[in-house]
């Protein structure tokens, strides 16, 4: 833990933040107040992924999803029965 006075911390703020990456930093004010500076790591969402450029249109994507569901339906129908699979995948409409 590293301790700075308010004046020191203000003058060397970049250094204070760099130290806080490794350890807790305490800043003391003249009136006796103390403040703690600690690095907090933000969690990223598993859905936070970079986008890609593609020429696919919305229609192409929806068509691919429909084809995939139909193929899955046909594949699973052999094992579970057509009515159950179509109802589960929402293809019974």
PDB file of N, CA and C in Angstrom:
ATOM      1  N   UNK A   1       0.857  -1.170   0.000  1.00  0.00           N
ATOM      2  CA  UNK A   1       0.000   0.000   0.000  1.00  0.00           C
ATOM      3  C   UNK A   1       0.904   1.234   0.000  1.00  0.00           C
ATOM      4  N   UNK A   2       0.595   2.154  -0.887  1.00  0.00           N
ATOM      5  CA  UNK A   2       1.362   3.392  -1.014  1.00  0.00           C
ATOM      6  C   UNK A   2       0.497   4.547  -0.526  1.00  0.00           C
ATOM      7  N   UNK A   3       1.109   5.497   0.203  1.00  0.00           N
ATOM      8  CA  UNK A   3       0.375   6.630   0.773  1.00  0.00           C
ATOM      9  C   UNK A   3       0.922   7.929   0.190  1.00  0.00           C
ATOM     10  N   UNK A   4      -0.004   8.805  -0.235  1.00  0.00           N
ATOM     11  CA  UNK A   4       0.344  10.118  -0.766  1.00  0.00           C
ATOM     12  C   UNK A   4      -0.464  11.180  -0.026  1.00  0.00           C
ATOM     13  N   UNK A   5       0.106  12.356   0.096  1.00  0.00           N
ATOM     14  CA  UNK A   5      -0.705  13.477   0.546  1.00  0.00           C
ATOM     15  C   UNK A   5      -1.525  13.927  -0.655  1.00  0.00           C
ATOM     16  N   UNK A   6      -2.557  14.709  -0.381  1.00  0.00           N
ATOM     17  CA  UNK A   6      -3.400  15.212  -1.468  1.00  0.00           C
ATOM     18  C   UNK A   6      -2.565  15.990  -2.483  1.00  0.00           C
ATOM     19  N   UNK A   7      -1.682  16.858  -2.001  1.00  0.00           N
ATOM     20  CA  UNK A   7      -0.865  17.686  -2.897  1.00  0.00           C
ATOM     21  C   UNK A   7       0.060  16.835  -3.751  1.00  0.00           C
ATOM     22  N   UNK A   8       0.690  15.821  -3.140  1.00  0.00           N
ATOM     23  CA  UNK A   8       1.564  14.922  -3.899  1.00  0.00           C
ATOM     24  C   UNK A   8       0.771  14.177  -4.972  1.00  0.00           C
ATOM     25  N   UNK A   9      -0.374  13.655  -4.566  1.00  0.00           N
ATOM     26  CA  UNK A   9      -1.202  12.873  -5.494  1.00  0.00           C
ATOM     27  C   UNK A   9      -1.651  13.731  -6.669  1.00  0.00           C
ATOM     28  N   UNK A  10      -1.999  14.966  -6.398  1.00  0.00           N
ATOM     29  CA  UNK A  10      -2.446  15.867  -7.460  1.00  0.00           C
ATOM     30  C   UNK A  10      -1.319  16.136  -8.449  1.00  0.00           C
ATOM     31  N   UNK A  11      -0.112  16.371  -7.943  1.00  0.00           N
ATOM     32  CA  UNK A  11       1.035  16.670  -8.795  1.00  0.00           C
ATOM     33  C   UNK A  11       1.483  15.451  -9.603  1.00  0.00           C
ATOM     34  N   UNK A  12       1.335  14.269  -9.008  1.00  0.00           N
ATOM     35  CA  UNK A  12       1.847  13.042  -9.636  1.00  0.00           C
ATOM     36  C   UNK A  12       0.707  12.072  -9.951  1.00  0.00           C
ATOM     37  N   UNK A  13      -0.414  12.617 -10.417  1.00  0.00           N
ATOM     38  CA  UNK A  13      -1.626  11.811 -10.575  1.00  0.00           C
ATOM     39  C   UNK A  13      -1.424  10.616 -11.511  1.00  0.00           C
ATOM     40  N   UNK A  14      -0.729  10.815 -12.619  1.00  0.00           N
ATOM     41  CA  UNK A  14      -0.488   9.704 -13.545  1.00  0.00           C
ATOM     42  C   UNK A  14       0.275   8.583 -12.848  1.00  0.00           C
ATOM     43  N   UNK A  15       1.293   8.958 -12.088  1.00  0.00           N
ATOM     44  CA  UNK A  15       2.070   7.964 -11.352  1.00  0.00           C
ATOM     45  C   UNK A  15       1.206   7.253 -10.317  1.00  0.00           C
ATOM     46  N   UNK A  16       0.345   8.002  -9.646  1.00  0.00           N
ATOM     47  CA  UNK A  16      -0.556   7.416  -8.643  1.00  0.00           C
ATOM     48  C   UNK A  16      -1.443   6.354  -9.296  1.00  0.00           C
ATOM     49  N   UNK A  17      -1.988   6.674 -10.444  1.00  0.00           N
ATOM     50  CA  UNK A  17      -2.851   5.704 -11.134  1.00  0.00           C
ATOM     51  C   UNK A  17      -2.059   4.484 -11.595  1.00  0.00           C
ATOM     52  N   UNK A  18      -0.852   4.694 -12.056  1.00  0.00           N
ATOM     53  CA  UNK A  18      -0.017   3.557 -12.468  1.00  0.00           C
ATOM     54  C   UNK A  18       0.311   2.653 -11.281  1.00  0.00           C
ATOM     55  N   UNK A  19       0.586   3.241 -10.135  1.00  0.00           N
ATOM     56  CA  UNK A  19       0.848   2.451  -8.923  1.00  0.00           C
ATOM     57  C   UNK A  19      -0.412   1.688  -8.514  1.00  0.00           C
ATOM     58  N   UNK A  20      -1.574   2.323  -8.664  1.00  0.00           N
ATOM     59  CA  UNK A  20      -2.850   1.694  -8.278  1.00  0.00           C
ATOM     60  C   UNK A  20      -3.157   0.460  -9.121  1.00  0.00           C
ATOM     61  N   UNK A  21      -2.504   0.318 -10.255  1.00  0.00           N
ATOM     62  CA  UNK A  21      -2.672  -0.909 -11.050  1.00  0.00           C
ATOM     63  C   UNK A  21      -2.123  -2.123 -10.314  1.00  0.00           C
ATOM     64  N   UNK A  22      -1.119  -1.888  -9.482  1.00  0.00           N
ATOM     65  CA  UNK A  22      -0.438  -2.979  -8.790  1.00  0.00           C
ATOM     66  C   UNK A  22      -0.821  -3.101  -7.313  1.00  0.00           C
ATOM     67  N   UNK A  23      -1.122  -1.967  -6.682  1.00  0.00           N
ATOM     68  CA  UNK A  23      -1.417  -1.993  -5.250  1.00  0.00           C
ATOM     69  C   UNK A  23      -2.363  -0.852  -4.878  1.00  0.00           C
ATOM     70  N   UNK A  24      -2.914  -0.968  -3.695  1.00  0.00           N
ATOM     71  CA  UNK A  24      -3.829   0.047  -3.179  1.00  0.00           C
ATOM     72  C   UNK A  24      -3.057   1.348  -2.906  1.00  0.00           C
ATOM     73  N   UNK A  25      -3.668   2.480  -3.243  1.00  0.00           N
ATOM     74  CA  UNK A  25      -3.055   3.785  -2.995  1.00  0.00           C
ATOM     75  C   UNK A  25      -3.981   4.568  -2.059  1.00  0.00           C
ATOM     76  N   UNK A  26      -3.387   5.133  -1.000  1.00  0.00           N
ATOM     77  CA  UNK A  26      -4.139   5.942  -0.046  1.00  0.00           C
ATOM     78  C   UNK A  26      -3.753   7.401  -0.261  1.00  0.00           C
ATOM     79  N   UNK A  27      -4.758   8.277  -0.321  1.00  0.00           N
ATOM     80  CA  UNK A  27      -4.526   9.719  -0.421  1.00  0.00           C
ATOM     81  C   UNK A  27      -5.087  10.352   0.841  1.00  0.00           C
ATOM     82  N   UNK A  28      -4.216  11.089   1.555  1.00  0.00           N
ATOM     83  CA  UNK A  28      -4.618  11.731   2.817  1.00  0.00           C
ATOM     84  C   UNK A  28      -4.766  13.232   2.612  1.00  0.00           C
ATOM     85  N   UNK A  29      -5.867  13.767   3.137  1.00  0.00           N
ATOM     86  CA  UNK A  29      -6.091  15.215   3.097  1.00  0.00           C
ATOM     87  C   UNK A  29      -5.712  15.827   4.437  1.00  0.00           C
ATOM     88  N   UNK A  30      -5.528  17.116   4.418  1.00  0.00           N
ATOM     89  CA  UNK A  30      -5.089  17.850   5.600  1.00  0.00           C
ATOM     90  C   UNK A  30      -6.046  17.660   6.786  1.00  0.00           C
ATOM     91  N   UNK A  31      -7.332  17.591   6.527  1.00  0.00           N
ATOM     92  CA  UNK A  31      -8.325  17.465   7.597  1.00  0.00           C
ATOM     93  C   UNK A  31      -8.428  16.069   8.181  1.00  0.00           C
ATOM     94  N   UNK A  32      -7.623  15.113   7.690  1.00  0.00           N
ATOM     95  CA  UNK A  32      -7.653  13.758   8.228  1.00  0.00           C
ATOM     96  C   UNK A  32      -8.420  12.761   7.375  1.00  0.00           C
ATOM     97  N   UNK A  33      -9.134  13.234   6.353  1.00  0.00           N
ATOM     98  CA  UNK A  33      -9.859  12.312   5.478  1.00  0.00           C
ATOM     99  C   UNK A  33      -8.859  11.489   4.671  1.00  0.00           C
ATOM    100  N   UNK A  34      -9.202  10.231   4.457  1.00  0.00           N
ATOM    101  CA  UNK A  34      -8.369   9.371   3.607  1.00  0.00           C
ATOM    102  C   UNK A  34      -9.240   8.768   2.516  1.00  0.00           C
ATOM    103  N   UNK A  35      -8.642   8.633   1.352  1.00  0.00           N
ATOM    104  CA  UNK A  35      -9.318   8.064   0.190  1.00  0.00           C
ATOM    105  C   UNK A  35      -8.462   6.934  -0.358  1.00  0.00           C
ATOM    106  N   UNK A  36      -9.118   5.918  -0.859  1.00  0.00           N
ATOM    107  CA  UNK A  36      -8.421   4.778  -1.432  1.00  0.00           C
ATOM    108  C   UNK A  36      -8.621   4.770  -2.941  1.00  0.00           C
ATOM    109  N   UNK A  37      -7.529   4.545  -3.662  1.00  0.00           N
ATOM    110  CA  UNK A  37      -7.605   4.401  -5.114  1.00  0.00           C
ATOM    111  C   UNK A  37      -7.221   2.969  -5.436  1.00  0.00           C
ATOM    112  N   UNK A  38      -8.133   2.260  -6.085  1.00  0.00           N
ATOM    113  CA  UNK A  38      -7.936   0.855  -6.425  1.00  0.00           C
ATOM    114  C   UNK A  38      -8.390   0.639  -7.863  1.00  0.00           C
ATOM    115  N   UNK A  39      -7.617  -0.122  -8.610  1.00  0.00           N
ATOM    116  CA  UNK A  39      -8.002  -0.464  -9.975  1.00  0.00           C
ATOM    117  C   UNK A  39      -9.189  -1.420  -9.937  1.00  0.00           C
ATOM    118  N   UNK A  40     -10.216  -1.113 -10.705  1.00  0.00           N
ATOM    119  CA  UNK A  40     -11.343  -2.039 -10.840  1.00  0.00           C
ATOM    120  C   UNK A  40     -11.372  -2.530 -12.272  1.00  0.00           C
ATOM    121  N   UNK A  41     -11.478  -3.818 -12.411  1.00  0.00           N
ATOM    122  CA  UNK A  41     -11.524  -4.423 -13.740  1.00  0.00           C
ATOM    123  C   UNK A  41     -12.976  -4.649 -14.115  1.00  0.00           C
ATOM    124  N   UNK A  42     -13.341  -4.169 -15.285  1.00  0.00           N
ATOM    125  CA  UNK A  42     -14.711  -4.347 -15.739  1.00  0.00           C
ATOM    126  C   UNK A  42     -14.838  -5.691 -16.438  1.00  0.00           C
ATOM    127  N   UNK A  43     -15.916  -6.363 -16.135  1.00  0.00           N
ATOM    128  CA  UNK A  43     -16.170  -7.636 -16.789  1.00  0.00           C
ATOM    129  C   UNK A  43     -16.814  -7.371 -18.138  1.00  0.00           C
ATOM    130  N   UNK A  44     -16.352  -8.096 -19.120  1.00  0.00           N
ATOM    131  CA  UNK A  44     -16.939  -7.955 -20.445  1.00  0.00           C
ATOM    132  C   UNK A  44     -18.035  -8.990 -20.636  1.00  0.00           C
ATOM    133  N   UNK A  45     -19.021  -8.598 -21.376  1.00  0.00           N
ATOM    134  CA  UNK A  45     -20.097  -9.516 -21.703  1.00  0.00           C
ATOM    135  C   UNK A  45     -19.596 -10.539 -22.722  1.00  0.00           C
ATOM    136  N   UNK A  46     -20.024 -11.785 -22.616  1.00  0.00           N
ATOM    137  CA  UNK A  46     -19.638 -12.768 -23.628  1.00  0.00           C
ATOM    138  C   UNK A  46     -20.219 -12.412 -24.998  1.00  0.00           C
ATOM    139  N   UNK A  47     -21.198 -11.502 -25.017  1.00  0.00           N
ATOM    140  CA  UNK A  47     -21.790 -11.076 -26.281  1.00  0.00           C
ATOM    141  C   UNK A  47     -21.100  -9.850 -26.855  1.00  0.00           C
ATOM    142  N   UNK A  48     -20.106  -9.326 -26.156  1.00  0.00           N
ATOM    143  CA  UNK A  48     -19.363  -8.153 -26.604  1.00  0.00           C
ATOM    144  C   UNK A  48     -18.259  -8.601 -27.553  1.00  0.00           C
ATOM    145  N   UNK A  49     -18.631  -8.811 -28.807  1.00  0.00           N
ATOM    146  CA  UNK A  49     -17.683  -9.283 -29.809  1.00  0.00           C
ATOM    147  C   UNK A  49     -17.641  -8.291 -30.965  1.00  0.00           C
ATOM    148  N   UNK A  50     -16.505  -8.203 -31.627  1.00  0.00           N
ATOM    149  CA  UNK A  50     -16.416  -7.264 -32.743  1.00  0.00           C
ATOM    150  C   UNK A  50     -17.295  -7.715 -33.907  1.00  0.00           C
ATOM    151  N   UNK A  51     -17.824  -6.743 -34.616  1.00  0.00           N
ATOM    152  CA  UNK A  51     -18.643  -7.051 -35.781  1.00  0.00           C
ATOM    153  C   UNK A  51     -17.774  -7.426 -36.975  1.00  0.00           C
ATOM    154  N   UNK A  52     -18.416  -7.961 -37.997  1.00  0.00           N
ATOM    155  CA  UNK A  52     -17.703  -8.308 -39.223  1.00  0.00           C
ATOM    156  C   UNK A  52     -18.427  -7.688 -40.401  1.00  0.00           C
ATOM    157  N   UNK A  53     -17.693  -7.421 -41.443  1.00  0.00           N
ATOM    158  CA  UNK A  53     -18.288  -6.911 -42.673  1.00  0.00           C
ATOM    159  C   UNK A  53     -18.724  -8.102 -43.511  1.00  0.00           C
ATOM    160  N   UNK A  54     -19.923  -8.048 -44.042  1.00  0.00           N
ATOM    161  CA  UNK A  54     -20.433  -9.127 -44.878  1.00  0.00           C
ATOM    162  C   UNK A  54     -21.407  -8.550 -45.901  1.00  0.00           C
ATOM    163  N   UNK A  55     -21.581  -9.261 -46.949  1.00  0.00           N
ATOM    164  CA  UNK A  55     -22.551  -8.833 -47.974  1.00  0.00           C
ATOM    165  C   UNK A  55     -23.908  -9.486 -47.765  1.00  0.00           C
ATOM    166  N   UNK A  56     -24.019 -10.291 -46.698  1.00  0.00           N
ATOM    167  CA  UNK A  56     -25.282 -10.975 -46.415  1.00  0.00           C
ATOM    168  C   UNK A  56     -26.349  -9.956 -46.036  1.00  0.00           C
ATOM    169  N   UNK A  57     -27.533 -10.153 -46.589  1.00  0.00           N
ATOM    170  CA  UNK A  57     -28.662  -9.283 -46.255  1.00  0.00           C
ATOM    171  C   UNK A  57     -29.470  -9.933 -45.138  1.00  0.00           C
ATOM    172  N   UNK A  58     -30.392  -9.194 -44.590  1.00  0.00           N
ATOM    173  CA  UNK A  58     -31.274  -9.738 -43.562  1.00  0.00           C
ATOM    174  C   UNK A  58     -32.025 -10.939 -44.113  1.00  0.00           C
ATOM    175  N   UNK A  59     -32.453 -10.819 -45.357  1.00  0.00           N
ATOM    176  CA  UNK A  59     -33.178 -11.924 -46.006  1.00  0.00           C
ATOM    177  C   UNK A  59     -32.297 -13.177 -46.074  1.00  0.00           C
ATOM    178  N   UNK A  60     -31.012 -13.025 -46.432  1.00  0.00           N
ATOM    179  CA  UNK A  60     -30.089 -14.159 -46.495  1.00  0.00           C
ATOM    180  C   UNK A  60     -29.944 -14.829 -45.133  1.00  0.00           C
ATOM    181  N   UNK A  61     -29.809 -14.021 -44.095  1.00  0.00           N
ATOM    182  CA  UNK A  61     -29.619 -14.553 -42.746  1.00  0.00           C
ATOM    183  C   UNK A  61     -30.861 -15.297 -42.272  1.00  0.00           C
ATOM    184  N   UNK A  62     -32.028 -14.703 -42.495  1.00  0.00           N
ATOM    185  CA  UNK A  62     -33.277 -15.364 -42.093  1.00  0.00           C
ATOM    186  C   UNK A  62     -33.487 -16.664 -42.862  1.00  0.00           C
ATOM    187  N   UNK A  63     -33.122 -16.670 -44.117  1.00  0.00           N
ATOM    188  CA  UNK A  63     -33.236 -17.872 -44.939  1.00  0.00           C
ATOM    189  C   UNK A  63     -32.310 -18.973 -44.401  1.00  0.00           C
ATOM    190  N   UNK A  64     -31.084 -18.593 -44.025  1.00  0.00           N
ATOM    191  CA  UNK A  64     -30.130 -19.563 -43.485  1.00  0.00           C
ATOM    192  C   UNK A  64     -30.648 -20.152 -42.176  1.00  0.00           C
ATOM    193  N   UNK A  65     -31.241 -19.323 -41.334  1.00  0.00           N
ATOM    194  CA  UNK A  65     -31.801 -19.808 -40.074  1.00  0.00           C
ATOM    195  C   UNK A  65     -32.944 -20.776 -40.334  1.00  0.00           C
ATOM    196  N   UNK A  66     -33.815 -20.412 -41.273  1.00  0.00           N
ATOM    197  CA  UNK A  66     -34.946 -21.280 -41.606  1.00  0.00           C
ATOM    198  C   UNK A  66     -34.449 -22.625 -42.136  1.00  0.00           C
ATOM    199  N   UNK A  67     -33.470 -22.591 -43.046  1.00  0.00           N
ATOM    200  CA  UNK A  67     -32.919 -23.839 -43.595  1.00  0.00           C
ATOM    201  C   UNK A  67     -32.295 -24.695 -42.494  1.00  0.00           C
ATOM    202  N   UNK A  68     -31.577 -24.042 -41.607  1.00  0.00           N
ATOM    203  CA  UNK A  68     -30.930 -24.760 -40.514  1.00  0.00           C
ATOM    204  C   UNK A  68     -31.970 -25.438 -39.627  1.00  0.00           C
ATOM    205  N   UNK A  69     -33.039 -24.718 -39.315  1.00  0.00           N
ATOM    206  CA  UNK A  69     -34.099 -25.294 -38.472  1.00  0.00           C
ATOM    207  C   UNK A  69     -34.799 -26.448 -39.165  1.00  0.00           C
ATOM    208  N   UNK A  70     -35.019 -26.300 -40.464  1.00  0.00           N
ATOM    209  CA  UNK A  70     -35.676 -27.386 -41.204  1.00  0.00           C
ATOM    210  C   UNK A  70     -34.786 -28.619 -41.257  1.00  0.00           C
ATOM    211  N   UNK A  71     -33.482 -28.411 -41.495  1.00  0.00           N
ATOM    212  CA  UNK A  71     -32.551 -29.546 -41.518  1.00  0.00           C
ATOM    213  C   UNK A  71     -32.470 -30.217 -40.160  1.00  0.00           C
ATOM    214  N   UNK A  72     -32.462 -29.413 -39.105  1.00  0.00           N
ATOM    215  CA  UNK A  72     -32.434 -29.962 -37.756  1.00  0.00           C
ATOM    216  C   UNK A  72     -33.716 -30.737 -37.487  1.00  0.00           C
ATOM    217  N   UNK A  73     -34.809 -30.210 -37.958  1.00  0.00           N
ATOM    218  CA  UNK A  73     -36.094 -30.868 -37.769  1.00  0.00           C
ATOM    219  C   UNK A  73     -36.103 -32.235 -38.439  1.00  0.00           C
ATOM    220  N   UNK A  74     -35.613 -32.281 -39.662  1.00  0.00           N
ATOM    221  CA  UNK A  74     -35.576 -33.557 -40.397  1.00  0.00           C
ATOM    222  C   UNK A  74     -34.665 -34.551 -39.699  1.00  0.00           C
ATOM    223  N   UNK A  75     -33.512 -34.078 -39.253  1.00  0.00           N
ATOM    224  CA  UNK A  75     -32.547 -34.952 -38.576  1.00  0.00           C
ATOM    225  C   UNK A  75     -33.115 -35.499 -37.271  1.00  0.00           C
ATOM    226  N   UNK A  76     -33.727 -34.628 -36.472  1.00  0.00           N
ATOM    227  CA  UNK A  76     -34.255 -35.047 -35.179  1.00  0.00           C
ATOM    228  C   UNK A  76     -35.567 -35.811 -35.279  1.00  0.00           C
ATOM    229  N   UNK A  77     -36.293 -35.616 -36.361  1.00  0.00           N
ATOM    230  CA  UNK A  77     -37.574 -36.308 -36.532  1.00  0.00           C
ATOM    231  C   UNK A  77     -37.378 -37.816 -36.539  1.00  0.00           C
ATOM    232  N   UNK A  78     -36.259 -38.261 -37.082  1.00  0.00           N
ATOM    233  CA  UNK A  78     -35.983 -39.703 -37.109  1.00  0.00           C
ATOM    234  C   UNK A  78     -35.868 -40.251 -35.695  1.00  0.00           C
ATOM    235  N   UNK A  79     -35.273 -39.473 -34.804  1.00  0.00           N
ATOM    236  CA  UNK A  79     -35.048 -39.957 -33.442  1.00  0.00           C
ATOM    237  C   UNK A  79     -36.232 -39.711 -32.513  1.00  0.00           C
ATOM    238  N   UNK A  80     -36.945 -38.591 -32.682  1.00  0.00           N
ATOM    239  CA  UNK A  80     -37.967 -38.203 -31.703  1.00  0.00           C
ATOM    240  C   UNK A  80     -39.393 -38.176 -32.234  1.00  0.00           C
ATOM    241  N   UNK A  81     -39.577 -38.275 -33.499  1.00  0.00           N
ATOM    242  CA  UNK A  81     -40.913 -38.189 -34.078  1.00  0.00           C
ATOM    243  C   UNK A  81     -41.163 -36.800 -34.629  1.00  0.00           C
ATOM    244  N   UNK A  82     -41.776 -36.703 -35.817  1.00  0.00           N
ATOM    245  CA  UNK A  82     -41.941 -35.438 -36.530  1.00  0.00           C
ATOM    246  C   UNK A  82     -42.737 -34.395 -35.760  1.00  0.00           C
ATOM    247  N   UNK A  83     -43.864 -34.756 -35.182  1.00  0.00           N
ATOM    248  CA  UNK A  83     -44.725 -33.773 -34.519  1.00  0.00           C
ATOM    249  C   UNK A  83     -44.025 -33.103 -33.343  1.00  0.00           C
ATOM    250  N   UNK A  84     -43.345 -33.868 -32.524  1.00  0.00           N
ATOM    251  CA  UNK A  84     -42.659 -33.308 -31.349  1.00  0.00           C
ATOM    252  C   UNK A  84     -41.581 -32.327 -31.761  1.00  0.00           C
ATOM    253  N   UNK A  85     -40.770 -32.689 -32.746  1.00  0.00           N
ATOM    254  CA  UNK A  85     -39.656 -31.834 -33.192  1.00  0.00           C
ATOM    255  C   UNK A  85     -40.180 -30.563 -33.825  1.00  0.00           C
ATOM    256  N   UNK A  86     -41.169 -30.670 -34.697  1.00  0.00           N
ATOM    257  CA  UNK A  86     -41.717 -29.474 -35.348  1.00  0.00           C
ATOM    258  C   UNK A  86     -42.333 -28.524 -34.343  1.00  0.00           C
ATOM    259  N   UNK A  87     -43.013 -29.052 -33.335  1.00  0.00           N
ATOM    260  CA  UNK A  87     -43.621 -28.210 -32.313  1.00  0.00           C
ATOM    261  C   UNK A  87     -42.526 -27.523 -31.494  1.00  0.00           C
ATOM    262  N   UNK A  88     -41.496 -28.255 -31.110  1.00  0.00           N
ATOM    263  CA  UNK A  88     -40.397 -27.695 -30.328  1.00  0.00           C
ATOM    264  C   UNK A  88     -39.677 -26.583 -31.078  1.00  0.00           C
ATOM    265  N   UNK A  89     -39.463 -26.745 -32.368  1.00  0.00           N
ATOM    266  CA  UNK A  89     -38.750 -25.744 -33.168  1.00  0.00           C
ATOM    267  C   UNK A  89     -39.660 -24.652 -33.707  1.00  0.00           C
ATOM    268  N   UNK A  90     -40.945 -24.758 -33.445  1.00  0.00           N
ATOM    269  CA  UNK A  90     -41.869 -23.732 -33.912  1.00  0.00           C
ATOM    270  C   UNK A  90     -42.173 -23.835 -35.393  1.00  0.00           C
ATOM    271  N   UNK A  91     -42.005 -25.030 -35.957  1.00  0.00           N
ATOM    272  CA  UNK A  91     -42.251 -25.221 -37.390  1.00  0.00           C
ATOM    273  C   UNK A  91     -43.614 -25.866 -37.653  1.00  0.00           C
ATOM    274  N   UNK A  92     -44.447 -25.975 -36.637  1.00  0.00           N
ATOM    275  CA  UNK A  92     -45.738 -26.640 -36.792  1.00  0.00           C
ATOM    276  C   UNK A  92     -46.832 -25.683 -37.230  1.00  0.00           C
ATOM    277  N   UNK A  93     -46.469 -24.472 -37.535  1.00  0.00           N
ATOM    278  CA  UNK A  93     -47.477 -23.453 -37.882  1.00  0.00           C
ATOM    279  C   UNK A  93     -47.637 -23.318 -39.353  1.00  0.00           C
TER     280      UNK A  93
END
